[in-house]
């Protein structure tokens, strides 16, 4: 089995955020504050570009088990990728209230926080985080 390449590390959140374009720095700082408030956990770098919160044991379909973040995000070029550990499609009704976004299996893509209702986004993140603790 291949080793997991994206793992928690001691990377500096502040240093990472300082490398981002100004708008993404602000959005990222708001997401860090929001996810810290929801989880009660400090942000941790996962790999070189993902900020994650809390950990869990995750099992892949091939049977490999590894540590993974319960929620997190990555400021990617032109969008913010939010990671949840449950299928994003299960939250279609909640995400409709959030505003302009796209989804992948466990990801929600937002161009910028100004495009969404941040209170509804916080409610969605809290719900997804709490659901991840049930599994």
N, C-alpha and C. Protein backbone atom coordinates (compact mmCIF):
# COMPACT_ATOMS: atom_id res chain seq x y z
N UNK A 1 0.84 -1.19 0.00
CA UNK A 1 0.00 0.00 0.00
C UNK A 1 0.88 1.25 0.00
N UNK A 2 0.43 2.23 -0.72
CA UNK A 2 1.15 3.51 -0.77
C UNK A 2 0.97 4.26 0.53
N UNK A 3 2.01 4.93 0.95
CA UNK A 3 1.95 5.76 2.15
C UNK A 3 1.15 7.02 1.85
N UNK A 4 0.45 7.52 2.85
CA UNK A 4 -0.28 8.77 2.73
C UNK A 4 0.73 9.92 2.71
N UNK A 5 0.63 10.78 1.72
CA UNK A 5 1.58 11.89 1.58
C UNK A 5 1.16 13.13 2.35
N UNK A 6 -0.14 13.31 2.53
CA UNK A 6 -0.62 14.50 3.23
C UNK A 6 -0.84 14.14 4.69
N UNK A 7 0.08 14.59 5.53
CA UNK A 7 0.01 14.29 6.96
C UNK A 7 0.16 15.58 7.76
N UNK A 8 -0.31 15.53 8.99
CA UNK A 8 -0.16 16.67 9.89
C UNK A 8 1.32 16.91 10.14
N UNK A 9 1.69 18.19 10.28
CA UNK A 9 3.09 18.53 10.50
C UNK A 9 3.18 19.80 11.33
N UNK A 10 4.38 20.21 11.63
CA UNK A 10 4.63 21.37 12.49
C UNK A 10 4.72 22.68 11.70
N UNK A 11 4.30 22.68 10.44
CA UNK A 11 4.37 23.89 9.62
C UNK A 11 3.63 25.05 10.26
N UNK A 12 4.11 26.24 10.00
CA UNK A 12 3.52 27.46 10.57
C UNK A 12 2.32 27.92 9.74
N UNK A 13 1.19 28.02 10.39
CA UNK A 13 -0.02 28.54 9.74
C UNK A 13 0.23 29.99 9.31
N UNK A 14 0.81 30.78 10.19
CA UNK A 14 1.08 32.19 9.91
C UNK A 14 1.99 32.35 8.69
N UNK A 15 3.05 31.57 8.65
CA UNK A 15 3.97 31.65 7.51
C UNK A 15 3.26 31.25 6.22
N UNK A 16 2.47 30.18 6.28
CA UNK A 16 1.74 29.74 5.10
C UNK A 16 0.78 30.83 4.62
N UNK A 17 -0.01 31.38 5.52
CA UNK A 17 -0.98 32.41 5.14
C UNK A 17 -0.30 33.64 4.55
N UNK A 18 0.89 33.95 5.01
CA UNK A 18 1.59 35.14 4.52
C UNK A 18 2.01 35.00 3.05
N UNK A 19 2.00 33.79 2.53
CA UNK A 19 2.39 33.58 1.12
C UNK A 19 1.21 33.76 0.17
N UNK A 20 0.01 33.92 0.70
CA UNK A 20 -1.20 34.00 -0.12
C UNK A 20 -1.47 35.41 -0.61
N UNK A 21 -2.23 35.53 -1.71
CA UNK A 21 -2.70 36.86 -2.13
C UNK A 21 -3.53 37.48 -1.00
N UNK A 22 -3.54 38.79 -0.93
CA UNK A 22 -4.19 39.51 0.16
C UNK A 22 -5.63 39.06 0.42
N UNK A 23 -6.46 38.95 -0.63
CA UNK A 23 -7.85 38.55 -0.43
C UNK A 23 -7.94 37.16 0.20
N UNK A 24 -7.11 36.25 -0.27
CA UNK A 24 -7.15 34.89 0.29
C UNK A 24 -6.63 34.87 1.72
N UNK A 25 -5.71 35.77 2.06
CA UNK A 25 -5.24 35.83 3.44
C UNK A 25 -6.40 36.15 4.37
N UNK A 26 -7.18 37.15 4.01
CA UNK A 26 -8.32 37.55 4.84
C UNK A 26 -9.36 36.45 4.95
N UNK A 27 -9.72 35.85 3.82
CA UNK A 27 -10.69 34.75 3.84
C UNK A 27 -10.16 33.58 4.66
N UNK A 28 -8.89 33.27 4.50
CA UNK A 28 -8.28 32.15 5.22
C UNK A 28 -8.25 32.41 6.72
N UNK A 29 -7.93 33.65 7.10
CA UNK A 29 -7.92 33.97 8.53
C UNK A 29 -9.32 33.85 9.12
N UNK A 30 -10.34 34.24 8.35
CA UNK A 30 -11.72 34.07 8.83
C UNK A 30 -12.09 32.60 8.97
N UNK A 31 -11.65 31.77 8.01
CA UNK A 31 -11.94 30.34 8.09
C UNK A 31 -11.20 29.69 9.26
N UNK A 32 -9.96 30.10 9.51
CA UNK A 32 -9.22 29.58 10.66
C UNK A 32 -9.98 29.91 11.94
N UNK A 33 -10.41 31.15 12.09
CA UNK A 33 -11.15 31.56 13.29
C UNK A 33 -12.46 30.79 13.41
N UNK A 34 -13.17 30.65 12.31
CA UNK A 34 -14.46 29.95 12.31
C UNK A 34 -14.28 28.48 12.70
N UNK A 35 -13.32 27.81 12.08
CA UNK A 35 -13.13 26.38 12.35
C UNK A 35 -12.54 26.14 13.73
N UNK A 36 -11.72 27.07 14.22
CA UNK A 36 -11.20 26.96 15.59
C UNK A 36 -12.35 27.07 16.57
N UNK A 37 -13.25 28.03 16.32
CA UNK A 37 -14.41 28.22 17.19
C UNK A 37 -15.31 26.99 17.18
N UNK A 38 -15.54 26.42 16.03
CA UNK A 38 -16.43 25.25 15.90
C UNK A 38 -15.83 24.03 16.58
N UNK A 39 -14.55 23.78 16.34
CA UNK A 39 -13.94 22.55 16.83
C UNK A 39 -13.35 22.66 18.23
N UNK A 40 -12.98 23.87 18.62
CA UNK A 40 -12.26 24.03 19.87
C UNK A 40 -10.83 23.51 19.78
N UNK A 41 -10.37 23.25 18.57
CA UNK A 41 -9.03 22.70 18.33
C UNK A 41 -8.18 23.71 17.57
N UNK A 42 -6.87 23.69 17.77
CA UNK A 42 -6.00 24.60 17.04
C UNK A 42 -5.82 24.15 15.58
N UNK A 43 -5.52 25.08 14.69
CA UNK A 43 -5.25 24.71 13.31
C UNK A 43 -3.90 24.00 13.20
N UNK A 44 -3.82 23.06 12.27
CA UNK A 44 -2.59 22.30 12.03
C UNK A 44 -2.37 22.23 10.52
N UNK A 45 -1.14 22.41 10.11
CA UNK A 45 -0.81 22.23 8.69
C UNK A 45 -0.83 20.74 8.36
N UNK A 46 -1.44 20.41 7.23
CA UNK A 46 -1.45 19.06 6.68
C UNK A 46 -0.80 19.19 5.32
N UNK A 47 0.32 18.53 5.13
CA UNK A 47 1.07 18.73 3.90
C UNK A 47 1.57 20.17 3.87
N UNK A 48 1.65 20.71 2.67
CA UNK A 48 2.19 22.07 2.53
C UNK A 48 1.13 23.14 2.33
N UNK A 49 -0.14 22.73 2.12
CA UNK A 49 -1.13 23.76 1.77
C UNK A 49 -2.53 23.53 2.32
N UNK A 50 -2.69 22.63 3.27
CA UNK A 50 -4.00 22.38 3.86
C UNK A 50 -3.93 22.70 5.35
N UNK A 51 -4.94 23.41 5.83
CA UNK A 51 -5.07 23.71 7.25
C UNK A 51 -6.22 22.86 7.78
N UNK A 52 -5.91 21.99 8.74
CA UNK A 52 -6.91 21.06 9.25
C UNK A 52 -7.16 21.23 10.73
N UNK A 53 -8.28 20.68 11.16
CA UNK A 53 -8.72 20.79 12.55
C UNK A 53 -9.20 19.44 13.05
N UNK A 54 -8.70 19.05 14.21
CA UNK A 54 -9.08 17.80 14.86
C UNK A 54 -8.65 16.62 13.99
N UNK A 55 -8.54 15.47 14.57
CA UNK A 55 -8.14 14.29 13.80
C UNK A 55 -9.09 13.14 14.07
N UNK A 56 -9.05 12.20 13.15
CA UNK A 56 -9.86 10.99 13.26
C UNK A 56 -9.14 9.87 12.53
N UNK A 57 -9.54 8.65 12.77
CA UNK A 57 -9.05 7.52 12.01
C UNK A 57 -9.94 7.38 10.78
N UNK A 58 -9.32 7.34 9.62
CA UNK A 58 -10.06 7.24 8.36
C UNK A 58 -9.68 5.93 7.69
N UNK A 59 -10.67 5.20 7.21
CA UNK A 59 -10.44 3.93 6.53
C UNK A 59 -10.79 4.06 5.07
N UNK A 60 -9.83 3.76 4.20
CA UNK A 60 -10.10 3.77 2.77
C UNK A 60 -10.71 2.44 2.36
N UNK A 61 -11.27 2.41 1.17
CA UNK A 61 -11.91 1.20 0.67
C UNK A 61 -10.92 0.05 0.53
N UNK A 62 -9.60 0.36 0.40
CA UNK A 62 -8.60 -0.70 0.29
C UNK A 62 -8.17 -1.24 1.65
N UNK A 63 -8.80 -0.74 2.72
CA UNK A 63 -8.51 -1.22 4.06
C UNK A 63 -7.45 -0.42 4.80
N UNK A 64 -6.76 0.48 4.12
CA UNK A 64 -5.74 1.29 4.78
C UNK A 64 -6.39 2.26 5.75
N UNK A 65 -5.85 2.32 6.96
CA UNK A 65 -6.35 3.21 8.01
C UNK A 65 -5.26 4.23 8.33
N UNK A 66 -5.65 5.49 8.44
CA UNK A 66 -4.68 6.55 8.72
C UNK A 66 -5.36 7.71 9.42
N UNK A 67 -4.55 8.57 10.01
CA UNK A 67 -5.07 9.79 10.65
C UNK A 67 -5.44 10.79 9.56
N UNK A 68 -6.53 11.49 9.76
CA UNK A 68 -6.98 12.52 8.83
C UNK A 68 -7.69 13.61 9.62
N UNK A 69 -7.77 14.77 9.05
CA UNK A 69 -8.46 15.89 9.69
C UNK A 69 -9.98 15.70 9.62
N UNK A 70 -10.69 16.16 10.62
CA UNK A 70 -12.16 16.10 10.57
C UNK A 70 -12.70 17.16 9.62
N UNK A 71 -12.16 18.35 9.69
CA UNK A 71 -12.50 19.42 8.75
C UNK A 71 -11.23 20.19 8.44
N UNK A 72 -11.25 20.90 7.33
CA UNK A 72 -10.10 21.70 6.97
C UNK A 72 -10.37 22.47 5.70
N UNK A 73 -9.36 23.19 5.25
CA UNK A 73 -9.50 23.93 4.00
C UNK A 73 -8.13 24.20 3.41
N UNK A 74 -8.15 24.52 2.14
CA UNK A 74 -6.93 24.91 1.45
C UNK A 74 -7.24 26.05 0.51
N UNK A 75 -6.51 27.15 0.63
CA UNK A 75 -6.67 28.24 -0.33
C UNK A 75 -5.93 27.87 -1.62
N UNK A 76 -6.67 27.47 -2.62
CA UNK A 76 -6.10 27.08 -3.91
C UNK A 76 -6.19 28.26 -4.86
N UNK A 77 -5.53 28.15 -5.98
CA UNK A 77 -5.55 29.23 -6.96
C UNK A 77 -7.00 29.48 -7.42
N UNK A 78 -7.51 30.65 -7.10
CA UNK A 78 -8.83 31.05 -7.55
C UNK A 78 -10.00 30.51 -6.76
N UNK A 79 -9.73 29.73 -5.69
CA UNK A 79 -10.85 29.21 -4.90
C UNK A 79 -10.37 28.72 -3.55
N UNK A 80 -11.31 28.56 -2.66
CA UNK A 80 -11.07 27.95 -1.36
C UNK A 80 -11.67 26.55 -1.42
N UNK A 81 -10.90 25.55 -1.07
CA UNK A 81 -11.39 24.18 -1.00
C UNK A 81 -11.61 23.83 0.45
N UNK A 82 -12.87 23.57 0.81
CA UNK A 82 -13.21 23.18 2.18
C UNK A 82 -13.37 21.67 2.20
N UNK A 83 -12.74 21.03 3.18
CA UNK A 83 -12.77 19.57 3.28
C UNK A 83 -13.62 19.13 4.46
N UNK A 84 -14.55 18.25 4.17
CA UNK A 84 -15.37 17.62 5.21
C UNK A 84 -15.18 16.11 5.06
N UNK A 85 -15.37 15.38 6.14
CA UNK A 85 -15.11 13.94 6.08
C UNK A 85 -16.36 13.13 5.80
N UNK A 86 -17.37 13.79 5.34
CA UNK A 86 -18.59 13.11 4.92
C UNK A 86 -18.90 13.57 3.50
N UNK A 87 -19.76 12.88 2.83
CA UNK A 87 -20.10 13.20 1.45
C UNK A 87 -20.82 14.55 1.40
N UNK A 88 -20.25 15.49 0.70
CA UNK A 88 -20.82 16.84 0.61
C UNK A 88 -22.23 16.83 0.01
N UNK A 89 -22.51 15.86 -0.85
CA UNK A 89 -23.85 15.78 -1.45
C UNK A 89 -24.93 15.55 -0.41
N UNK A 90 -24.56 14.99 0.75
CA UNK A 90 -25.54 14.77 1.82
C UNK A 90 -26.05 16.09 2.42
N UNK A 91 -25.38 17.18 2.10
CA UNK A 91 -25.71 18.47 2.67
C UNK A 91 -26.25 19.45 1.63
N UNK A 92 -26.84 18.94 0.57
CA UNK A 92 -27.31 19.79 -0.53
C UNK A 92 -28.22 20.91 -0.04
N UNK A 93 -29.16 20.59 0.85
CA UNK A 93 -30.08 21.61 1.35
C UNK A 93 -29.34 22.69 2.14
N UNK A 94 -28.42 22.26 3.00
CA UNK A 94 -27.64 23.22 3.79
C UNK A 94 -26.77 24.09 2.88
N UNK A 95 -26.13 23.46 1.90
CA UNK A 95 -25.23 24.19 1.01
C UNK A 95 -25.97 25.16 0.09
N UNK A 96 -27.20 24.82 -0.24
CA UNK A 96 -28.00 25.73 -1.07
C UNK A 96 -28.17 27.07 -0.35
N UNK A 97 -28.29 27.03 0.98
CA UNK A 97 -28.46 28.24 1.77
C UNK A 97 -27.14 29.02 1.91
N UNK A 98 -26.02 28.34 1.74
CA UNK A 98 -24.70 28.97 1.88
C UNK A 98 -24.47 30.00 0.79
N UNK A 99 -24.85 29.64 -0.44
CA UNK A 99 -24.62 30.55 -1.56
C UNK A 99 -23.79 29.90 -2.64
N UNK A 100 -23.12 30.72 -3.40
CA UNK A 100 -22.39 30.29 -4.59
C UNK A 100 -21.23 29.34 -4.23
N UNK A 101 -21.33 28.10 -4.72
CA UNK A 101 -20.32 27.09 -4.43
C UNK A 101 -20.41 25.95 -5.44
N UNK A 102 -19.44 25.08 -5.40
CA UNK A 102 -19.47 23.82 -6.15
C UNK A 102 -19.09 22.73 -5.16
N UNK A 103 -19.43 21.49 -5.48
CA UNK A 103 -19.07 20.40 -4.58
C UNK A 103 -18.33 19.29 -5.31
N UNK A 104 -17.50 18.60 -4.55
CA UNK A 104 -16.88 17.35 -4.93
C UNK A 104 -17.36 16.36 -3.90
N UNK A 105 -16.82 15.16 -3.89
CA UNK A 105 -17.30 14.16 -2.94
C UNK A 105 -17.20 14.64 -1.48
N UNK A 106 -16.03 15.05 -1.06
CA UNK A 106 -15.85 15.53 0.31
C UNK A 106 -15.36 16.95 0.36
N UNK A 107 -15.56 17.69 -0.74
CA UNK A 107 -15.06 19.06 -0.83
C UNK A 107 -16.15 20.03 -1.24
N UNK A 108 -16.01 21.23 -0.75
CA UNK A 108 -16.87 22.33 -1.16
C UNK A 108 -15.93 23.42 -1.67
N UNK A 109 -16.20 23.92 -2.85
CA UNK A 109 -15.35 24.93 -3.47
C UNK A 109 -16.07 26.27 -3.48
N UNK A 110 -15.41 27.27 -2.95
CA UNK A 110 -15.94 28.63 -2.89
C UNK A 110 -14.86 29.55 -3.44
N UNK A 111 -15.25 30.46 -4.34
CA UNK A 111 -14.25 31.37 -4.89
C UNK A 111 -13.75 32.34 -3.82
N UNK A 112 -14.68 32.93 -3.09
CA UNK A 112 -14.33 33.86 -2.01
C UNK A 112 -15.49 33.93 -1.03
N UNK A 113 -15.19 34.27 0.20
CA UNK A 113 -16.23 34.30 1.23
C UNK A 113 -17.28 35.37 0.97
N UNK A 114 -16.93 36.39 0.22
CA UNK A 114 -17.92 37.43 -0.12
C UNK A 114 -19.06 36.86 -0.97
N UNK A 115 -18.85 35.70 -1.59
CA UNK A 115 -19.87 35.07 -2.43
C UNK A 115 -20.88 34.25 -1.63
N UNK A 116 -20.66 34.10 -0.32
CA UNK A 116 -21.53 33.23 0.46
C UNK A 116 -22.02 33.93 1.72
N UNK A 117 -23.03 33.34 2.32
CA UNK A 117 -23.54 33.77 3.62
C UNK A 117 -22.65 33.09 4.67
N UNK A 118 -21.76 33.84 5.30
CA UNK A 118 -20.79 33.22 6.20
C UNK A 118 -21.46 32.59 7.43
N UNK A 119 -22.60 33.11 7.85
CA UNK A 119 -23.30 32.50 8.99
C UNK A 119 -23.83 31.12 8.58
N UNK A 120 -24.39 31.01 7.37
CA UNK A 120 -24.89 29.72 6.89
C UNK A 120 -23.72 28.76 6.64
N UNK A 121 -22.59 29.31 6.19
CA UNK A 121 -21.39 28.48 6.00
C UNK A 121 -20.94 27.92 7.34
N UNK A 122 -20.92 28.75 8.36
CA UNK A 122 -20.53 28.30 9.69
C UNK A 122 -21.47 27.21 10.19
N UNK A 123 -22.76 27.38 9.97
CA UNK A 123 -23.74 26.37 10.38
C UNK A 123 -23.48 25.05 9.66
N UNK A 124 -23.19 25.12 8.36
CA UNK A 124 -22.90 23.92 7.60
C UNK A 124 -21.64 23.23 8.12
N UNK A 125 -20.56 24.00 8.33
CA UNK A 125 -19.31 23.43 8.81
C UNK A 125 -19.51 22.76 10.17
N UNK A 126 -20.26 23.42 11.04
CA UNK A 126 -20.53 22.85 12.37
C UNK A 126 -21.29 21.53 12.24
N UNK A 127 -22.27 21.49 11.39
CA UNK A 127 -23.06 20.28 11.19
C UNK A 127 -22.19 19.15 10.63
N UNK A 128 -21.39 19.45 9.63
CA UNK A 128 -20.51 18.45 9.02
C UNK A 128 -19.48 17.95 10.05
N UNK A 129 -18.94 18.86 10.83
CA UNK A 129 -17.96 18.48 11.86
C UNK A 129 -18.61 17.56 12.90
N UNK A 130 -19.78 17.95 13.39
CA UNK A 130 -20.46 17.11 14.38
C UNK A 130 -20.83 15.76 13.81
N UNK A 131 -21.24 15.71 12.55
CA UNK A 131 -21.56 14.43 11.90
C UNK A 131 -20.32 13.55 11.79
N UNK A 132 -19.15 14.16 11.57
CA UNK A 132 -17.92 13.38 11.44
C UNK A 132 -17.56 12.69 12.76
N UNK A 133 -18.01 13.24 13.86
CA UNK A 133 -17.70 12.64 15.17
C UNK A 133 -18.61 11.45 15.46
N UNK A 134 -19.68 11.28 14.69
CA UNK A 134 -20.61 10.16 14.88
C UNK A 134 -20.10 8.89 14.22
N UNK A 135 -19.21 9.05 13.25
CA UNK A 135 -18.72 7.90 12.48
C UNK A 135 -17.54 7.23 13.13
